[in-house]
Amino acid sequence: MATIDQQFVEYIVKTLVNNPDKVAVDRKIDEKGVLLSLTVDPEDVGRVIGKRGVTAQAIRVLLRALGTKQDARFNLKIVNTDEGAEKKEERPKKDDAPRDEEVDEIEEADEVEEVEEDDESDDEEGSSELAEKTRAELADLDDLDI
């Protein structure tokens, strides 16, 4: 039988994902509190986490509120399934030695950096003039009586 916290997380996540049948919440109790491990279809992991983790953080906040009511500490862990790891392994690995085209690109980049270093001295003079002008304007503003 699922506890209220498992049902709560399951309900929220099932409304977010495309494959609600593959949502599973495991519950473990340890010295830190209750750990809820959430497993979803690899296609739906992005939906559960959200941009910059906003959705996952919102679910954790709701769990914290539920924990306050039940005098318990809940932690949510989103489990990475093995299917996603297999996809990463299928990608071809790059050789350690650069190809001839890459070597040419690296040499061209070094030449560009050398030219840019010469231009930096002109930029420093312009930036120091700008800094002096800005300091003078700030000094004038300090002299104003408000």
N, C-alpha and C. Protein backbone atom coordinates (compact mmCIF):
# COMPACT_ATOMS: atom_id res chain seq x y z
N MET A 1 0.84 -1.19 0.00
CA MET A 1 0.00 0.00 0.00
C MET A 1 0.88 1.25 0.00
N ALA A 2 0.59 2.17 -0.87
CA ALA A 2 1.37 3.39 -0.98
C ALA A 2 0.97 4.37 0.11
N THR A 3 1.96 5.06 0.64
CA THR A 3 1.70 6.06 1.68
C THR A 3 1.25 7.35 1.03
N ILE A 4 0.82 8.29 1.86
CA ILE A 4 0.29 9.56 1.35
C ILE A 4 1.35 10.33 0.57
N ASP A 5 2.61 10.28 1.02
CA ASP A 5 3.68 11.01 0.33
C ASP A 5 3.97 10.39 -1.05
N GLN A 6 3.94 9.06 -1.15
CA GLN A 6 4.13 8.40 -2.44
C GLN A 6 2.99 8.75 -3.39
N GLN A 7 1.77 8.69 -2.88
CA GLN A 7 0.61 9.01 -3.71
C GLN A 7 0.66 10.45 -4.18
N PHE A 8 1.10 11.33 -3.29
CA PHE A 8 1.19 12.76 -3.60
C PHE A 8 2.15 13.00 -4.77
N VAL A 9 3.37 12.46 -4.67
CA VAL A 9 4.37 12.64 -5.72
C VAL A 9 3.90 11.98 -7.01
N GLU A 10 3.35 10.79 -6.90
CA GLU A 10 2.86 10.07 -8.07
C GLU A 10 1.79 10.87 -8.81
N TYR A 11 0.86 11.45 -8.05
CA TYR A 11 -0.22 12.23 -8.66
C TYR A 11 0.33 13.44 -9.42
N ILE A 12 1.24 14.16 -8.79
CA ILE A 12 1.80 15.36 -9.43
C ILE A 12 2.56 14.99 -10.70
N VAL A 13 3.42 13.98 -10.59
CA VAL A 13 4.27 13.62 -11.72
C VAL A 13 3.45 13.02 -12.87
N LYS A 14 2.46 12.21 -12.54
CA LYS A 14 1.65 11.60 -13.61
C LYS A 14 0.90 12.65 -14.41
N THR A 15 0.57 13.79 -13.80
CA THR A 15 -0.11 14.84 -14.56
C THR A 15 0.86 15.59 -15.48
N LEU A 16 2.16 15.51 -15.20
CA LEU A 16 3.16 16.22 -16.00
C LEU A 16 3.67 15.43 -17.21
N VAL A 17 3.76 14.12 -17.08
CA VAL A 17 4.46 13.30 -18.07
C VAL A 17 3.54 12.79 -19.18
N ASN A 18 4.17 12.33 -20.26
CA ASN A 18 3.43 11.73 -21.38
C ASN A 18 3.16 10.25 -21.15
N ASN A 19 3.98 9.59 -20.34
CA ASN A 19 3.84 8.16 -20.07
C ASN A 19 3.58 7.92 -18.59
N PRO A 20 2.37 8.19 -18.10
CA PRO A 20 2.09 8.05 -16.67
C PRO A 20 2.18 6.62 -16.16
N ASP A 21 2.09 5.63 -17.06
CA ASP A 21 2.17 4.24 -16.63
C ASP A 21 3.57 3.86 -16.16
N LYS A 22 4.58 4.61 -16.60
CA LYS A 22 5.96 4.28 -16.25
C LYS A 22 6.46 5.06 -15.04
N VAL A 23 5.58 5.76 -14.34
CA VAL A 23 5.97 6.50 -13.14
C VAL A 23 5.96 5.55 -11.95
N ALA A 24 7.07 5.54 -11.20
CA ALA A 24 7.16 4.69 -10.02
C ALA A 24 7.85 5.47 -8.91
N VAL A 25 7.34 5.35 -7.69
CA VAL A 25 7.92 6.04 -6.54
C VAL A 25 8.25 4.99 -5.48
N ASP A 26 9.54 4.86 -5.17
CA ASP A 26 9.98 3.95 -4.12
C ASP A 26 10.26 4.76 -2.86
N ARG A 27 10.00 4.15 -1.70
CA ARG A 27 10.13 4.86 -0.43
C ARG A 27 11.09 4.12 0.47
N LYS A 28 12.09 4.85 1.01
CA LYS A 28 13.03 4.28 1.96
C LYS A 28 13.18 5.24 3.14
N ILE A 29 13.27 4.67 4.33
CA ILE A 29 13.43 5.48 5.53
C ILE A 29 14.84 5.26 6.06
N ASP A 30 15.54 6.35 6.35
CA ASP A 30 16.87 6.26 6.96
C ASP A 30 17.00 7.33 8.03
N GLU A 31 18.23 7.53 8.52
CA GLU A 31 18.43 8.49 9.63
C GLU A 31 18.17 9.94 9.21
N LYS A 32 18.25 10.23 7.92
CA LYS A 32 18.01 11.60 7.44
C LYS A 32 16.54 11.89 7.20
N GLY A 33 15.71 10.87 7.15
CA GLY A 33 14.29 11.06 6.89
C GLY A 33 13.79 10.05 5.88
N VAL A 34 12.82 10.47 5.10
CA VAL A 34 12.21 9.60 4.10
C VAL A 34 12.76 9.98 2.72
N LEU A 35 13.30 8.99 2.02
CA LEU A 35 13.81 9.21 0.68
C LEU A 35 12.84 8.62 -0.32
N LEU A 36 12.32 9.48 -1.19
CA LEU A 36 11.43 9.04 -2.26
C LEU A 36 12.22 9.04 -3.56
N SER A 37 12.36 7.86 -4.17
CA SER A 37 13.08 7.74 -5.43
C SER A 37 12.06 7.67 -6.56
N LEU A 38 12.12 8.64 -7.43
CA LEU A 38 11.17 8.76 -8.53
C LEU A 38 11.80 8.24 -9.82
N THR A 39 11.12 7.31 -10.47
CA THR A 39 11.56 6.77 -11.75
C THR A 39 10.49 7.05 -12.78
N VAL A 40 10.91 7.65 -13.91
CA VAL A 40 9.99 7.94 -15.00
C VAL A 40 10.60 7.46 -16.31
N ASP A 41 9.81 7.48 -17.36
CA ASP A 41 10.30 7.13 -18.68
C ASP A 41 11.41 8.11 -19.06
N PRO A 42 12.49 7.66 -19.68
CA PRO A 42 13.59 8.56 -20.05
C PRO A 42 13.13 9.76 -20.89
N GLU A 43 12.08 9.58 -21.66
CA GLU A 43 11.55 10.65 -22.48
C GLU A 43 10.94 11.77 -21.62
N ASP A 44 10.49 11.43 -20.41
CA ASP A 44 9.80 12.38 -19.55
C ASP A 44 10.68 13.02 -18.47
N VAL A 45 11.93 12.63 -18.40
CA VAL A 45 12.80 13.15 -17.34
C VAL A 45 12.90 14.67 -17.42
N GLY A 46 13.02 15.20 -18.62
CA GLY A 46 13.11 16.65 -18.80
C GLY A 46 11.87 17.38 -18.31
N ARG A 47 10.71 16.78 -18.50
CA ARG A 47 9.47 17.40 -18.03
C ARG A 47 9.42 17.45 -16.50
N VAL A 48 9.91 16.39 -15.87
CA VAL A 48 9.87 16.33 -14.41
C VAL A 48 10.88 17.30 -13.80
N ILE A 49 12.05 17.41 -14.42
CA ILE A 49 13.07 18.31 -13.89
C ILE A 49 12.75 19.75 -14.22
N GLY A 50 12.34 20.03 -15.44
CA GLY A 50 11.99 21.39 -15.85
C GLY A 50 13.23 22.20 -16.18
N LYS A 51 13.01 23.40 -16.70
CA LYS A 51 14.12 24.27 -17.03
C LYS A 51 14.84 24.69 -15.75
N ARG A 52 16.15 24.47 -15.77
CA ARG A 52 17.01 24.80 -14.62
C ARG A 52 16.54 24.13 -13.33
N GLY A 53 15.80 23.04 -13.44
CA GLY A 53 15.38 22.29 -12.26
C GLY A 53 14.21 22.90 -11.51
N VAL A 54 13.51 23.82 -12.14
CA VAL A 54 12.43 24.54 -11.47
C VAL A 54 11.28 23.62 -11.07
N THR A 55 10.88 22.72 -11.96
CA THR A 55 9.75 21.83 -11.66
C THR A 55 10.11 20.87 -10.54
N ALA A 56 11.31 20.28 -10.60
CA ALA A 56 11.74 19.36 -9.54
C ALA A 56 11.82 20.09 -8.20
N GLN A 57 12.31 21.31 -8.22
CA GLN A 57 12.40 22.09 -6.98
C GLN A 57 11.01 22.40 -6.43
N ALA A 58 10.05 22.66 -7.30
CA ALA A 58 8.68 22.94 -6.86
C ALA A 58 8.07 21.70 -6.19
N ILE A 59 8.33 20.53 -6.78
CA ILE A 59 7.83 19.30 -6.17
C ILE A 59 8.46 19.10 -4.80
N ARG A 60 9.74 19.40 -4.67
CA ARG A 60 10.43 19.26 -3.37
C ARG A 60 9.86 20.22 -2.33
N VAL A 61 9.52 21.42 -2.77
CA VAL A 61 8.92 22.40 -1.85
C VAL A 61 7.57 21.89 -1.34
N LEU A 62 6.77 21.35 -2.25
CA LEU A 62 5.47 20.80 -1.85
C LEU A 62 5.66 19.62 -0.89
N LEU A 63 6.67 18.80 -1.15
CA LEU A 63 6.96 17.68 -0.25
C LEU A 63 7.37 18.18 1.13
N ARG A 64 8.15 19.25 1.15
CA ARG A 64 8.58 19.82 2.43
C ARG A 64 7.36 20.30 3.22
N ALA A 65 6.40 20.91 2.53
CA ALA A 65 5.17 21.35 3.19
C ALA A 65 4.39 20.16 3.74
N LEU A 66 4.31 19.09 2.97
CA LEU A 66 3.64 17.87 3.43
C LEU A 66 4.38 17.29 4.63
N GLY A 67 5.70 17.34 4.59
CA GLY A 67 6.51 16.83 5.70
C GLY A 67 6.30 17.63 6.97
N THR A 68 6.12 18.93 6.84
CA THR A 68 5.86 19.77 8.01
C THR A 68 4.56 19.35 8.68
N LYS A 69 3.57 19.05 7.89
CA LYS A 69 2.28 18.64 8.42
C LYS A 69 2.37 17.27 9.10
N GLN A 70 3.23 16.37 8.56
CA GLN A 70 3.33 15.02 9.10
C GLN A 70 4.52 14.83 10.04
N ASP A 71 5.23 15.90 10.38
CA ASP A 71 6.43 15.84 11.23
C ASP A 71 7.46 14.87 10.67
N ALA A 72 7.74 14.98 9.40
CA ALA A 72 8.72 14.12 8.74
C ALA A 72 9.52 14.96 7.75
N ARG A 73 10.70 14.46 7.43
CA ARG A 73 11.53 15.14 6.44
C ARG A 73 11.57 14.28 5.18
N PHE A 74 11.10 14.83 4.06
CA PHE A 74 11.05 14.10 2.80
C PHE A 74 12.13 14.63 1.85
N ASN A 75 12.79 13.71 1.19
CA ASN A 75 13.77 14.05 0.15
C ASN A 75 13.33 13.35 -1.13
N LEU A 76 13.46 14.04 -2.26
CA LEU A 76 13.08 13.47 -3.55
C LEU A 76 14.32 13.28 -4.40
N LYS A 77 14.49 12.07 -4.90
CA LYS A 77 15.60 11.75 -5.79
C LYS A 77 15.01 11.28 -7.11
N ILE A 78 15.42 11.93 -8.20
CA ILE A 78 14.95 11.52 -9.52
C ILE A 78 15.99 10.56 -10.07
N VAL A 79 15.59 9.31 -10.26
CA VAL A 79 16.51 8.25 -10.64
C VAL A 79 16.72 8.25 -12.15
N ASN A 80 17.98 8.18 -12.56
CA ASN A 80 18.32 8.09 -13.97
C ASN A 80 18.24 6.63 -14.38
N THR A 81 17.45 6.35 -15.40
CA THR A 81 17.27 4.96 -15.82
C THR A 81 18.44 4.52 -16.69
N ASP A 82 18.63 3.22 -16.82
CA ASP A 82 19.74 2.66 -17.59
C ASP A 82 19.60 2.92 -19.08
N GLU A 83 18.37 3.10 -19.56
CA GLU A 83 18.16 3.32 -20.98
C GLU A 83 18.85 4.58 -21.45
N GLY A 84 18.84 5.63 -20.63
CA GLY A 84 19.51 6.87 -20.99
C GLY A 84 21.02 6.69 -21.05
N ALA A 85 21.57 5.86 -20.15
CA ALA A 85 23.01 5.61 -20.15
C ALA A 85 23.43 4.83 -21.38
N GLU A 86 22.58 3.91 -21.85
CA GLU A 86 22.89 3.15 -23.04
C GLU A 86 22.97 4.06 -24.26
N LYS A 87 22.11 5.06 -24.34
CA LYS A 87 22.14 5.98 -25.47
C LYS A 87 23.46 6.74 -25.51
N LYS A 88 23.98 7.11 -24.34
CA LYS A 88 25.24 7.83 -24.29
C LYS A 88 26.39 6.95 -24.79
N GLU A 89 26.35 5.67 -24.47
CA GLU A 89 27.42 4.77 -24.87
C GLU A 89 27.40 4.51 -26.37
N GLU A 90 26.26 4.65 -27.01
CA GLU A 90 26.14 4.38 -28.43
C GLU A 90 26.82 5.45 -29.29
N ARG A 91 27.05 6.64 -28.73
CA ARG A 91 27.68 7.70 -29.50
C ARG A 91 29.11 7.30 -29.86
N PRO A 92 29.55 7.61 -31.07
CA PRO A 92 30.93 7.29 -31.43
C PRO A 92 31.88 8.19 -30.64
N LYS A 93 32.97 7.60 -30.17
CA LYS A 93 33.95 8.35 -29.40
C LYS A 93 34.95 9.00 -30.34
N LYS A 94 35.38 10.20 -29.99
CA LYS A 94 36.37 10.90 -30.79
C LYS A 94 37.75 10.30 -30.51
N ASP A 95 38.59 10.30 -31.53
CA ASP A 95 39.96 9.86 -31.33
C ASP A 95 40.69 10.92 -30.53
N ASP A 96 41.70 10.50 -29.79
CA ASP A 96 42.48 11.44 -29.00
C ASP A 96 43.35 12.34 -29.87
N ALA A 97 43.84 11.80 -30.98
CA ALA A 97 44.70 12.57 -31.87
C ALA A 97 43.85 13.44 -32.79
N PRO A 98 44.18 14.74 -32.89
CA PRO A 98 43.40 15.61 -33.77
C PRO A 98 43.66 15.28 -35.24
N ARG A 99 42.64 15.48 -36.06
CA ARG A 99 42.78 15.28 -37.50
C ARG A 99 43.52 16.48 -38.10
N ASP A 100 43.90 16.35 -39.37
CA ASP A 100 44.66 17.40 -40.04
C ASP A 100 43.88 18.72 -40.08
N GLU A 101 42.55 18.64 -40.33
CA GLU A 101 41.75 19.87 -40.38
C GLU A 101 41.75 20.58 -39.03
N GLU A 102 41.69 19.79 -37.95
CA GLU A 102 41.68 20.38 -36.61
C GLU A 102 43.00 21.06 -36.31
N VAL A 103 44.10 20.48 -36.75
CA VAL A 103 45.41 21.08 -36.53
C VAL A 103 45.48 22.42 -37.25
N ASP A 104 44.99 22.48 -38.51
CA ASP A 104 44.97 23.73 -39.26
C ASP A 104 44.16 24.79 -38.53
N GLU A 105 42.99 24.39 -37.98
CA GLU A 105 42.14 25.34 -37.27
C GLU A 105 42.83 25.86 -36.02
N ILE A 106 43.55 25.00 -35.32
CA ILE A 106 44.26 25.41 -34.11
C ILE A 106 45.35 26.41 -34.46
N GLU A 107 46.11 26.16 -35.54
CA GLU A 107 47.16 27.08 -35.94
C GLU A 107 46.59 28.43 -36.34
N GLU A 108 45.45 28.44 -37.06
CA GLU A 108 44.82 29.70 -37.44
C GLU A 108 44.36 30.46 -36.21
N ALA A 109 43.84 29.77 -35.23
CA ALA A 109 43.39 30.42 -34.00
C ALA A 109 44.56 31.06 -33.27
N ASP A 110 45.74 30.41 -33.26
CA ASP A 110 46.91 30.98 -32.62
C ASP A 110 47.33 32.27 -33.31
N GLU A 111 47.26 32.30 -34.66
CA GLU A 111 47.62 33.50 -35.40
C GLU A 111 46.66 34.64 -35.07
N VAL A 112 45.38 34.35 -34.96
CA VAL A 112 44.39 35.38 -34.64
C VAL A 112 44.66 35.94 -33.25
N GLU A 113 45.01 35.08 -32.29
CA GLU A 113 45.28 35.55 -30.93
C GLU A 113 46.46 36.50 -30.91
N GLU A 114 47.51 36.22 -31.72
CA GLU A 114 48.67 37.10 -31.75
C GLU A 114 48.28 38.48 -32.26
N VAL A 115 47.44 38.56 -33.27
CA VAL A 115 46.99 39.85 -33.80
C VAL A 115 46.17 40.58 -32.76
N GLU A 116 45.30 39.85 -32.04
CA GLU A 116 44.45 40.48 -31.03
C GLU A 116 45.27 41.04 -29.89
N GLU A 117 46.39 40.42 -29.54
CA GLU A 117 47.24 40.92 -28.46
C GLU A 117 47.78 42.29 -28.81
N ASP A 118 48.13 42.54 -30.08
CA ASP A 118 48.63 43.84 -30.50
C ASP A 118 47.54 44.90 -30.36
N ASP A 119 46.30 44.55 -30.62
CA ASP A 119 45.20 45.51 -30.54
C ASP A 119 44.84 45.85 -29.10
N GLU A 120 45.22 45.01 -28.15
CA GLU A 120 44.83 45.24 -26.76
C GLU A 120 45.44 46.51 -26.19
N SER A 121 46.65 46.89 -26.63
CA SER A 121 47.28 48.10 -26.10
C SER A 121 46.44 49.32 -26.47
N ASP A 122 45.87 49.35 -27.69
CA ASP A 122 45.01 50.46 -28.08
C ASP A 122 43.75 50.48 -27.22
N ASP A 123 43.20 49.30 -26.92
CA ASP A 123 41.99 49.21 -26.11
C ASP A 123 42.25 49.70 -24.69
N GLU A 124 43.45 49.40 -24.16
CA GLU A 124 43.77 49.82 -22.80
C GLU A 124 43.82 51.34 -22.70
N GLU A 125 44.38 52.02 -23.73
CA GLU A 125 44.43 53.48 -23.72
C GLU A 125 43.03 54.06 -23.78
N GLY A 126 42.17 53.49 -24.63
CA GLY A 126 40.80 53.96 -24.75
C GLY A 126 40.01 53.73 -23.47
N SER A 127 40.24 52.59 -22.84
CA SER A 127 39.51 52.29 -21.62
C SER A 127 39.99 53.16 -20.47
N SER A 128 41.29 53.51 -20.44
CA SER A 128 41.77 54.38 -19.36
C SER A 128 41.21 55.79 -19.52
N GLU A 129 41.08 56.26 -20.78
CA GLU A 129 40.47 57.57 -21.02
C GLU A 129 39.01 57.56 -20.58
N LEU A 130 38.31 56.49 -20.88
CA LEU A 130 36.91 56.35 -20.48
C LEU A 130 36.80 56.31 -18.96
N ALA A 131 37.72 55.61 -18.32
CA ALA A 131 37.69 55.52 -16.86
C ALA A 131 37.92 56.89 -16.23
N GLU A 132 38.87 57.65 -16.77
CA GLU A 132 39.13 58.99 -16.23
C GLU A 132 37.93 59.90 -16.42
N LYS A 133 37.30 59.82 -17.57
CA LYS A 133 36.12 60.64 -17.86
C LYS A 133 34.98 60.28 -16.90
N THR A 134 34.79 58.99 -16.68
CA THR A 134 33.73 58.54 -15.78
C THR A 134 34.01 59.00 -14.35
N ARG A 135 35.26 58.91 -13.91
CA ARG A 135 35.63 59.39 -12.56
C ARG A 135 35.35 60.88 -12.41
N ALA A 136 35.65 61.64 -13.45
CA ALA A 136 35.41 63.09 -13.40
C ALA A 136 33.91 63.37 -13.28
N GLU A 137 33.10 62.64 -14.05
CA GLU A 137 31.66 62.84 -13.98
C GLU A 137 31.11 62.47 -12.60
N LEU A 138 31.63 61.41 -12.03
CA LEU A 138 31.20 61.01 -10.68
C LEU A 138 31.61 62.04 -9.64
N ALA A 139 32.79 62.60 -9.80
CA ALA A 139 33.24 63.63 -8.87
C ALA A 139 32.33 64.86 -8.95
N ASP A 140 31.91 65.22 -10.18
CA ASP A 140 30.99 66.34 -10.33
C ASP A 140 29.65 66.05 -9.64
N LEU A 141 29.18 64.82 -9.75
CA LEU A 141 27.93 64.44 -9.11
C LEU A 141 28.04 64.49 -7.59
N ASP A 142 29.22 64.15 -7.05
CA ASP A 142 29.43 64.19 -5.61
C ASP A 142 29.37 65.61 -5.08
N ASP A 143 29.75 66.57 -5.91
CA ASP A 143 29.78 67.97 -5.48
C ASP A 143 28.39 68.59 -5.43
N LEU A 144 27.40 67.96 -6.02
CA LEU A 144 26.04 68.50 -6.03
C LEU A 144 25.45 68.47 -4.64
N ASP A 145 24.75 69.52 -4.27
CA ASP A 145 24.04 69.56 -3.00
C ASP A 145 22.63 69.05 -3.22
N ILE A 146 22.29 68.03 -2.47
CA ILE A 146 20.95 67.44 -2.63
C ILE A 146 20.15 67.71 -1.39
